[in-house]
Amino acid sequence: MNEKKMKNITVKKIKSSEAPFELLLLADPSHEAVNKYLKKGSCFAAFEGNKIVGVYVLILKSVDTSEIINLSVAEEKQNRGIGKLLVADAIRRAKKAGTKKLLVGTGNSSINQLAFYQKCGFRISGVKKDFFVKNYKKPIFENSIQCRDMVMFELVF
């Protein structure tokens, strides 16, 4: 079993059927979207003891590209390095799969996430205009800003 440890946190692959929906919904409010990409990707969870405190979903987009589709840390566990541990784990797994770059997208209104991914070494690679307006039934607001566009990031190995 592949595991990555940080203090008392262990990251390991889990079955999609065991994915912590409440955490995945913190990063994506659409049950439908979460179910869809859980079927396409692999789910990895950060455990503190027996409790899941973080999660991400990784998909293989092409022979040379992987993408983090959802990454979330329990609100009470944020700002403790768990998110960075999850990203490091995704990078390690993407490299091991032979891909040459890792993508991740976040909303234009997700101010903390925009900074977070850049701190992790990702560079802005594009914007999917009106992604959230076209793909979500209800408007999403964060930081008093409507989430309209998906800002795409990439990390090239």
Protein backbone atom coordinates (compact mmCIF):
# COMPACT_ATOMS: atom_id res chain seq x y z
CA MET A 1 0.00 0.00 0.00
CA ASN A 2 1.39 3.42 -0.98
CA GLU A 3 1.27 5.81 1.92
CA LYS A 4 2.67 9.25 2.62
CA LYS A 5 3.05 10.38 6.23
CA MET A 6 3.20 13.79 7.92
CA LYS A 7 3.39 13.66 11.70
CA ASN A 8 0.24 11.71 12.50
CA ILE A 9 -1.38 12.06 9.05
CA THR A 10 -1.37 9.20 6.54
CA VAL A 11 -2.57 9.50 2.92
CA LYS A 12 -3.87 6.38 1.21
CA LYS A 13 -6.12 5.37 -1.63
CA ILE A 14 -9.71 4.57 -0.72
CA LYS A 15 -12.63 3.13 -2.65
CA SER A 16 -14.82 5.75 -4.31
CA SER A 17 -17.76 4.23 -2.45
CA GLU A 18 -15.98 5.13 0.82
CA ALA A 19 -15.26 8.73 -0.24
CA PRO A 20 -16.19 11.31 2.40
CA PHE A 21 -18.95 13.13 0.54
CA GLU A 22 -19.24 15.88 3.16
CA LEU A 23 -15.61 16.85 2.52
CA LEU A 24 -15.87 16.60 -1.27
CA LEU A 25 -18.92 18.89 -1.14
CA LEU A 26 -16.83 21.57 0.59
CA ALA A 27 -14.88 21.94 -2.66
CA ASP A 28 -17.75 21.26 -5.07
CA PRO A 29 -21.38 21.84 -4.07
CA SER A 30 -22.79 19.58 -6.81
CA HIS A 31 -23.64 16.01 -5.76
CA GLU A 32 -24.00 15.16 -9.45
CA ALA A 33 -20.54 16.47 -10.37
CA VAL A 34 -18.89 14.71 -7.41
CA ASN A 35 -20.53 11.39 -8.29
CA LYS A 36 -19.45 11.79 -11.92
CA TYR A 37 -15.77 12.35 -11.25
CA LEU A 38 -15.59 9.76 -8.48
CA LYS A 39 -16.43 7.23 -11.20
CA LYS A 40 -13.65 8.55 -13.47
CA GLY A 41 -10.88 9.04 -10.92
CA SER A 42 -9.10 7.61 -7.93
CA CYS A 43 -9.87 8.87 -4.44
CA PHE A 44 -7.18 9.46 -1.81
CA ALA A 45 -7.79 10.39 1.80
CA ALA A 46 -5.70 11.89 4.58
CA PHE A 47 -6.27 10.02 7.82
CA GLU A 48 -5.60 11.26 11.33
CA GLY A 49 -5.91 8.01 13.22
CA ASN A 50 -9.07 6.45 11.81
CA LYS A 51 -10.68 9.77 10.89
CA ILE A 52 -10.57 11.20 7.35
CA VAL A 53 -9.45 14.84 7.56
CA GLY A 54 -8.74 15.52 3.89
CA VAL A 55 -9.43 14.10 0.46
CA TYR A 56 -8.61 14.53 -3.21
CA VAL A 57 -9.63 12.91 -6.47
CA LEU A 58 -7.03 12.34 -9.18
CA ILE A 59 -7.84 11.49 -12.79
CA LEU A 60 -5.67 10.61 -15.75
CA LYS A 61 -6.61 13.07 -18.51
CA SER A 62 -4.19 11.76 -21.12
CA VAL A 63 -0.96 9.83 -21.38
CA ASP A 64 1.00 12.84 -20.14
CA THR A 65 -1.52 14.72 -17.97
CA SER A 66 -3.19 14.08 -14.63
CA GLU A 67 -5.69 16.39 -12.90
CA ILE A 68 -6.72 16.97 -9.32
CA ILE A 69 -10.48 17.26 -9.65
CA ASN A 70 -11.35 17.93 -6.01
CA LEU A 71 -9.20 18.65 -2.98
CA SER A 72 -10.65 19.40 0.41
CA VAL A 73 -9.58 19.51 4.05
CA ALA A 74 -12.00 19.45 6.98
CA GLU A 75 -12.59 23.04 8.04
CA GLU A 76 -11.33 22.49 11.58
CA LYS A 77 -8.09 20.97 10.21
CA GLN A 78 -7.26 23.66 7.63
CA ASN A 79 -4.04 25.70 7.74
CA ARG A 80 -2.07 22.81 9.26
CA GLY A 81 -0.28 21.55 6.16
CA ILE A 82 -2.73 18.78 5.26
CA GLY A 83 -3.65 20.39 1.93
CA LYS A 84 0.03 20.70 0.98
CA LEU A 85 0.53 17.07 1.97
CA LEU A 86 -2.36 16.06 -0.30
CA VAL A 87 -0.93 18.06 -3.21
CA ALA A 88 2.52 16.53 -2.66
CA ASP A 89 0.91 13.09 -2.67
CA ALA A 90 -0.93 13.88 -5.93
CA ILE A 91 2.31 15.09 -7.52
CA ARG A 92 4.11 11.92 -6.45
CA ARG A 93 1.33 9.70 -7.82
CA ALA A 94 1.09 11.66 -11.09
CA LYS A 95 4.84 11.34 -11.63
CA LYS A 96 4.72 7.64 -10.78
CA ALA A 97 1.98 7.21 -13.40
CA GLY A 98 4.40 8.70 -15.95
CA THR A 99 2.54 11.94 -16.57
CA LYS A 100 4.48 15.09 -17.30
CA LYS A 101 2.09 17.64 -15.82
CA LEU A 102 -0.59 18.00 -13.19
CA LEU A 103 -3.62 20.25 -13.61
CA VAL A 104 -6.03 21.70 -11.09
CA GLY A 105 -8.82 24.23 -11.42
CA THR A 106 -10.58 26.46 -8.93
CA GLY A 107 -13.19 29.19 -8.99
CA ASN A 108 -12.37 32.82 -9.64
CA SER A 109 -13.96 33.61 -6.25
CA SER A 110 -11.87 31.05 -4.33
CA ILE A 111 -9.30 33.54 -3.08
CA ASN A 112 -7.57 31.21 -0.61
CA GLN A 113 -7.34 28.39 -3.16
CA LEU A 114 -5.93 30.72 -5.83
CA ALA A 115 -3.09 31.59 -3.46
CA PHE A 116 -2.71 28.01 -2.18
CA TYR A 117 -2.08 26.41 -5.57
CA GLN A 118 0.48 29.06 -6.48
CA LYS A 119 2.26 28.47 -3.16
CA CYS A 120 2.37 24.77 -4.13
CA GLY A 121 4.23 25.67 -7.33
CA PHE A 122 1.36 25.69 -9.84
CA ARG A 123 1.18 28.35 -12.55
CA ILE A 124 -1.98 29.79 -14.06
CA SER A 125 -2.48 28.15 -17.44
CA GLY A 126 -5.87 29.47 -18.51
CA VAL A 127 -9.42 30.40 -17.65
CA LYS A 128 -12.58 28.50 -18.54
CA LYS A 129 -14.97 31.44 -18.84
CA ASP A 130 -18.47 30.99 -17.38
CA PHE A 131 -17.69 27.37 -16.37
CA PHE A 132 -19.67 27.58 -13.14
CA VAL A 133 -22.52 29.55 -14.70
CA LYS A 134 -22.95 26.95 -17.46
CA ASN A 135 -22.39 23.80 -15.37
CA TYR A 136 -24.14 24.52 -12.06
CA LYS A 137 -27.86 25.04 -11.59
CA LYS A 138 -27.56 27.55 -8.74
CA PRO A 139 -25.19 30.52 -8.56
CA ILE A 140 -22.19 30.00 -6.26
CA PHE A 141 -20.89 32.84 -4.12
CA GLU A 142 -17.63 32.91 -2.16
CA ASN A 143 -16.06 35.92 -0.48
CA SER A 144 -19.08 37.98 -1.71
CA ILE A 145 -17.99 37.25 -5.31
CA GLN A 146 -19.99 35.19 -7.79
CA CYS A 147 -18.05 32.14 -8.92
CA ARG A 148 -18.26 32.29 -12.70
CA ASP A 149 -14.95 31.23 -14.20
CA MET A 150 -12.63 28.30 -13.51
CA VAL A 151 -9.02 29.36 -13.19
CA MET A 152 -6.79 26.53 -14.40
CA PHE A 153 -3.34 25.84 -13.01
CA GLU A 154 -0.63 23.47 -14.14
CA LEU A 155 2.55 22.08 -12.70
CA VAL A 156 5.00 20.70 -15.24
CA PHE A 157 7.45 18.05 -14.01
